[in-house]
Amino acid sequence: MSTSVRYAGKVVVVTGSSSGIGADTAIQFGKSGAQVVIAGRRAHNLSEVSKQIAKVSPTGLKALEVVCDVTKDDDCKRLIESTIKAFGRLDVLVNNAGVTGITAIDDKNILNDYHRIFDTNVRSIIYLTHLATQYLEKTKGNIINISSIAGLKPVGHLIFQNWTIYCMSKSALDMFTKCLALELGPRGIRVNSVNPAAVRTEIMYTSGGLNKKVVEENYELQAKSYPLGRVADPIDIANVILFLGSDEASFLTGVNLLADGGAMNALIRVSDFKADK
């Protein structure tokens, strides 16, 4: 089958698809022939992504837009129920919605930050997966969780100091992926995660609370330390996600797939990075 329509007839849900990795992923699924369900908190952004999907869809399919907050159980239910009501099936669930944040262990708001990060990065994914599994079993579909290099190792440069809770959340997500692959494999459902390094998105200064100028400066410094000489763009990660969700990856499950431009093995000097907010 041509890769341009390899998702024809498939229904794909992408959370956090109003910007960044999620937006590019949803657009690429649409370009590959899928019926895409896009979900996020910003209605205007979803509308813009939907327009782009309609432009690239081989058959002009329009995305189903679901404005929702995945930390709210009722919104998660509405997302899955709306998908099934509209299309009667679900083939791929991309758990992309996520937040980040800097919290020192002696911060008085540490538990608030813990709940904010874990409710989005772990709890919502567990619940959405719980809701979707019965439908994925019928289609022999698959789940792709968007994790981070921070789930595989403590991130060492200065801009990531005090990101312990975020790293913990991604490590938990990676283990959830591996365990769920064992649980759902006998039911014909594959479960994998993608672990990017730095990606040029807005997450660092929206949920991370970092100054945009500082983030951009550190991206440039990181690029110099990565073997490929650049940090990722969202499309780089979207392409990996589309591979994992496709039949070409039919024998992959329980994989934490590193998409890091070689950063995991690079020597990154702490002194190179700026920590100013």
Protein backbone atom coordinates (compact mmCIF):
# COMPACT_ATOMS: atom_id res chain seq x y z
CA MET A 1 0.00 0.00 0.00
CA SER A 2 1.22 3.48 -0.76
CA THR A 3 2.49 5.23 2.35
CA SER A 4 0.39 8.25 1.35
CA VAL A 5 -2.80 6.35 2.23
CA ARG A 6 -1.51 3.72 4.65
CA TYR A 7 -4.03 4.83 7.28
CA ALA A 8 -7.05 4.85 4.96
CA GLY A 9 -10.11 3.61 6.85
CA LYS A 10 -8.38 4.02 10.23
CA VAL A 11 -9.55 6.27 13.06
CA VAL A 12 -6.83 7.96 15.09
CA VAL A 13 -7.15 9.99 18.30
CA VAL A 14 -4.33 12.43 19.09
CA THR A 15 -4.44 14.24 22.43
CA GLY A 16 -2.67 17.54 22.91
CA SER A 17 -3.00 18.17 19.18
CA SER A 18 -3.58 21.92 19.26
CA SER A 19 0.16 22.62 18.85
CA GLY A 20 3.65 21.14 18.69
CA ILE A 21 4.20 17.41 18.26
CA GLY A 22 0.49 16.66 18.54
CA ALA A 23 -0.50 19.09 15.80
CA ASP A 24 2.13 17.83 13.35
CA THR A 25 1.24 14.23 14.17
CA ALA A 26 -2.47 14.81 13.55
CA ILE A 27 -1.73 16.52 10.23
CA GLN A 28 0.52 13.67 9.09
CA PHE A 29 -2.10 11.08 10.01
CA GLY A 30 -4.61 13.06 7.98
CA LYS A 31 -2.19 13.21 5.06
CA SER A 32 -1.87 9.42 5.28
CA GLY A 33 -5.61 8.95 4.87
CA ALA A 34 -6.76 8.59 8.48
CA GLN A 35 -9.90 9.96 10.01
CA VAL A 36 -8.33 12.06 12.76
CA VAL A 37 -9.81 13.09 16.10
CA ILE A 38 -7.94 16.06 17.53
CA ALA A 39 -8.17 16.99 21.20
CA GLY A 40 -6.88 19.92 23.22
CA ARG A 41 -7.85 22.82 25.44
CA ARG A 42 -7.54 25.63 22.88
CA ALA A 43 -10.49 25.65 20.48
CA HIS A 44 -9.00 28.18 18.08
CA ASN A 45 -5.79 26.18 17.71
CA LEU A 46 -7.74 22.98 17.10
CA SER A 47 -9.72 24.72 14.41
CA GLU A 48 -6.52 25.79 12.65
CA VAL A 49 -5.07 22.28 12.84
CA SER A 50 -8.35 20.90 11.49
CA LYS A 51 -8.12 23.19 8.46
CA GLN A 52 -4.62 21.95 7.73
CA ILE A 53 -5.75 18.33 7.99
CA ALA A 54 -8.59 18.91 5.53
CA LYS A 55 -6.12 20.43 3.05
CA VAL A 56 -3.74 17.47 3.09
CA SER A 57 -6.24 14.61 3.45
CA PRO A 58 -6.30 12.58 0.19
CA THR A 59 -10.10 12.47 0.36
CA GLY A 60 -10.73 15.77 2.10
CA LEU A 61 -11.63 14.24 5.44
CA LYS A 62 -12.35 16.75 8.17
CA ALA A 63 -10.99 16.16 11.65
CA LEU A 64 -13.33 15.75 14.58
CA GLU A 65 -12.46 18.52 17.03
CA VAL A 66 -12.94 17.79 20.73
CA VAL A 67 -12.11 20.61 23.12
CA CYS A 68 -11.14 18.90 26.35
CA ASP A 69 -8.85 18.82 29.34
CA VAL A 70 -7.46 15.31 29.78
CA THR A 71 -7.04 15.83 33.52
CA LYS A 72 -10.85 15.82 33.79
CA ASP A 73 -12.41 12.35 33.76
CA ASP A 74 -15.63 13.53 32.13
CA ASP A 75 -13.65 15.12 29.30
CA CYS A 76 -11.75 11.88 28.73
CA LYS A 77 -15.03 9.97 28.54
CA ARG A 78 -16.47 12.51 26.14
CA LEU A 79 -13.41 12.25 23.89
CA ILE A 80 -13.66 8.47 23.48
CA GLU A 81 -17.46 8.42 23.34
CA SER A 82 -17.50 11.17 20.69
CA THR A 83 -15.02 9.19 18.61
CA ILE A 84 -17.06 6.00 18.73
CA LYS A 85 -20.34 7.81 18.16
CA ALA A 86 -18.96 9.56 15.08
CA PHE A 87 -16.98 6.73 13.50
CA GLY A 88 -17.84 3.48 15.28
CA ARG A 89 -14.24 2.43 15.77
CA LEU A 90 -10.81 3.37 17.09
CA ASP A 91 -7.53 2.14 15.62
CA VAL A 92 -4.76 4.26 17.12
CA LEU A 93 -4.63 6.21 20.38
CA VAL A 94 -1.77 8.72 20.59
CA ASN A 95 -1.38 9.90 24.19
CA ASN A 96 0.53 13.08 23.46
CA ALA A 97 -0.89 15.65 25.90
CA GLY A 98 1.69 16.55 28.50
CA VAL A 99 3.06 19.27 30.73
CA THR A 100 6.42 19.98 32.29
CA GLY A 101 7.68 22.08 35.17
CA ILE A 102 10.53 22.97 37.48
CA THR A 103 10.09 22.14 41.16
CA ALA A 104 12.81 21.86 43.81
CA ILE A 105 12.32 19.33 46.60
CA ASP A 106 12.04 22.11 49.19
CA ASP A 107 9.47 24.09 47.20
CA LYS A 108 6.36 24.71 49.32
CA ASN A 109 4.16 23.97 46.28
CA ILE A 110 5.78 20.64 45.50
CA LEU A 111 2.62 18.57 45.97
CA ASN A 112 0.58 20.90 43.80
CA ASP A 113 3.18 20.59 41.06
CA TYR A 114 3.32 16.84 41.54
CA HIS A 115 -0.42 16.51 41.00
CA ARG A 116 -0.41 18.91 38.05
CA ILE A 117 2.31 16.99 36.25
CA PHE A 118 1.27 13.46 37.14
CA ASP A 119 -2.44 14.11 36.48
CA THR A 120 -1.59 15.04 32.90
CA ASN A 121 1.45 12.90 32.11
CA VAL A 122 0.38 9.67 33.83
CA ARG A 123 -3.13 9.58 35.29
CA SER A 124 -4.91 10.85 32.17
CA ILE A 125 -3.08 8.34 29.98
CA ILE A 126 -4.02 5.47 32.25
CA TYR A 127 -7.67 6.51 32.18
CA LEU A 128 -7.85 7.20 28.43
CA THR A 129 -6.23 3.83 27.78
CA HIS A 130 -8.74 2.18 30.11
CA LEU A 131 -11.59 3.76 28.16
CA ALA A 132 -10.15 2.96 24.74
CA THR A 133 -9.00 -0.63 25.21
CA GLN A 134 -12.33 -2.31 24.42
CA TYR A 135 -12.46 -0.53 21.05
CA LEU A 136 -8.81 -1.09 20.21
CA GLU A 137 -9.26 -4.79 20.84
CA LYS A 138 -11.95 -4.94 18.15
CA THR A 139 -9.68 -3.31 15.55
CA LYS A 140 -6.43 -4.89 16.77
CA GLY A 141 -5.21 -1.35 17.11
CA ASN A 142 -2.37 0.20 19.03
CA ILE A 143 -1.38 2.84 21.55
CA ILE A 144 1.52 5.28 21.29
CA ASN A 145 2.57 7.21 24.39
CA ILE A 146 4.71 10.30 23.99
CA SER A 147 7.39 10.15 26.64
CA SER A 148 10.83 11.80 26.79
CA ILE A 149 14.52 11.11 27.05
CA ALA A 150 13.92 12.29 30.62
CA GLY A 151 12.14 9.00 31.28
CA LEU A 152 15.31 7.06 30.49
CA LYS A 153 17.91 9.11 32.36
CA PRO A 154 18.04 12.15 34.64
CA VAL A 155 18.41 15.11 32.33
CA GLY A 156 21.73 16.68 33.20
CA HIS A 157 22.12 20.21 31.90
CA LEU A 158 21.27 23.32 33.88
CA ILE A 159 18.00 24.24 32.24
CA PHE A 160 16.61 20.95 33.55
CA GLN A 161 17.72 21.30 37.17
CA ASN A 162 14.88 20.60 39.58
CA TRP A 163 12.84 18.74 36.96
CA THR A 164 12.71 15.63 39.12
CA ILE A 165 8.92 15.30 39.09
CA TYR A 166 8.75 15.63 35.31
CA CYS A 167 11.45 12.99 34.87
CA MET A 168 9.61 10.71 37.29
CA SER A 169 6.36 11.11 35.33
CA LYS A 170 8.01 10.09 32.07
CA SER A 171 9.77 7.15 33.71
CA ALA A 172 6.40 6.00 35.05
CA LEU A 173 4.92 6.34 31.57
CA ASP A 174 7.69 4.22 30.08
CA MET A 175 7.06 1.45 32.60
CA PHE A 176 3.31 1.71 32.01
CA THR A 177 4.03 1.21 28.30
CA LYS A 178 6.11 -1.91 28.90
CA CYS A 179 3.71 -3.49 31.36
CA LEU A 180 0.64 -2.71 29.28
CA ALA A 181 2.28 -4.25 26.22
CA LEU A 182 2.46 -7.53 28.12
CA GLU A 183 -1.12 -7.22 29.30
CA LEU A 184 -2.68 -6.22 25.99
CA GLY A 185 -0.51 -8.16 23.55
CA PRO A 186 -2.64 -11.31 23.87
CA ARG A 187 -5.65 -9.17 22.94
CA GLY A 188 -3.96 -8.01 19.75
CA ILE A 189 -3.11 -4.50 20.93
CA ARG A 190 0.41 -3.10 20.59
CA VAL A 191 1.67 -0.46 23.06
CA ASN A 192 4.80 1.63 22.48
CA SER A 193 6.27 4.96 23.49
CA VAL A 194 8.43 7.56 21.76
CA ASN A 195 11.18 9.23 23.79
CA PRO A 196 12.33 12.50 22.18
CA ALA A 197 15.14 14.72 23.37
CA ALA A 198 14.76 18.49 22.85
CA VAL A 199 12.00 19.43 20.40
CA ARG A 200 11.24 22.98 19.28
CA THR A 201 7.77 23.41 20.77
CA GLU A 202 6.18 25.90 23.16
CA ILE A 203 5.93 23.51 26.12
CA MET A 204 9.09 24.82 27.81
CA TYR A 205 7.68 28.32 28.24
CA THR A 206 3.97 27.53 28.50
CA SER A 207 3.85 24.79 31.14
CA GLY A 208 7.57 24.88 31.99
CA GLY A 209 7.56 28.51 33.04
CA LEU A 210 10.87 29.27 31.35
CA ASN A 211 11.70 32.48 29.53
CA LYS A 212 11.23 32.02 25.76
CA LYS A 213 14.49 33.75 24.89
CA VAL A 214 16.44 31.53 27.29
CA VAL A 215 14.77 28.41 25.91
CA GLU A 216 15.71 29.35 22.36
CA GLU A 217 19.31 30.07 23.39
CA ASN A 218 19.55 26.69 25.06
CA TYR A 219 18.10 24.96 22.00
CA GLU A 220 20.98 26.40 20.03
CA LEU A 221 23.49 25.20 22.59
CA GLN A 222 21.91 21.75 22.71
CA ALA A 223 22.04 21.56 18.93
CA LYS A 224 25.81 22.01 19.05
CA SER A 225 26.15 19.13 21.51
CA TYR A 226 23.89 16.68 19.61
CA PRO A 227 25.66 14.40 17.10
CA LEU A 228 23.22 15.40 14.34
CA GLY A 229 23.89 19.07 15.02
CA ARG A 230 20.31 20.11 15.70
CA VAL A 231 17.40 19.58 18.05
CA ALA A 232 14.21 18.04 16.71
CA ASP A 233 11.32 19.73 15.00
CA PRO A 234 7.83 18.37 15.72
CA ILE A 235 7.68 16.69 12.30
CA ASP A 236 10.68 14.54 13.23
CA ILE A 237 8.74 13.00 16.10
CA ALA A 238 5.50 12.85 14.12
CA ASN A 239 7.21 10.67 11.52
CA VAL A 240 8.32 8.23 14.23
CA ILE A 241 4.80 8.10 15.65
CA LEU A 242 3.30 7.31 12.24
CA PHE A 243 5.77 4.49 11.80
CA LEU A 244 4.96 2.97 15.19
CA GLY A 245 1.23 3.11 14.51
CA SER A 246 1.52 1.47 11.11
CA ASP A 247 1.59 -2.14 9.92
CA GLU A 248 5.30 -1.69 9.19
CA ALA A 249 5.80 -1.81 12.98
CA SER A 250 3.51 -4.79 13.50
CA PHE A 251 6.11 -6.73 15.52
CA LEU A 252 7.03 -3.86 17.83
CA THR A 253 5.41 -3.65 21.24
CA GLY A 254 6.64 -2.62 24.67
CA VAL A 255 9.29 -0.43 23.04
CA ASN A 256 10.50 2.92 24.40
CA LEU A 257 11.74 4.21 21.06
CA LEU A 258 14.49 6.81 21.45
CA ALA A 259 14.23 9.69 18.95
CA ASP A 260 16.94 11.98 20.25
CA GLY A 261 19.40 12.85 17.49
CA GLY A 262 22.06 10.93 19.42
CA ALA A 263 21.69 13.06 22.56
CA MET A 264 21.54 10.05 24.88
CA ASN A 265 25.13 9.22 24.04
CA ALA A 266 26.42 12.77 23.69
CA LEU A 267 28.72 14.48 26.14
CA ILE A 268 26.79 17.55 27.27
CA ARG A 269 28.73 19.98 29.42
CA VAL A 270 26.72 21.49 32.25
CA SER A 271 28.69 24.74 31.97
CA ASP A 272 27.37 25.27 28.43
CA PHE A 273 23.79 25.85 29.51
CA LYS A 274 21.94 28.82 30.93
CA ALA A 275 19.49 28.43 33.79
CA ASP A 276 18.05 31.94 33.96
CA LYS A 277 14.29 32.11 33.68
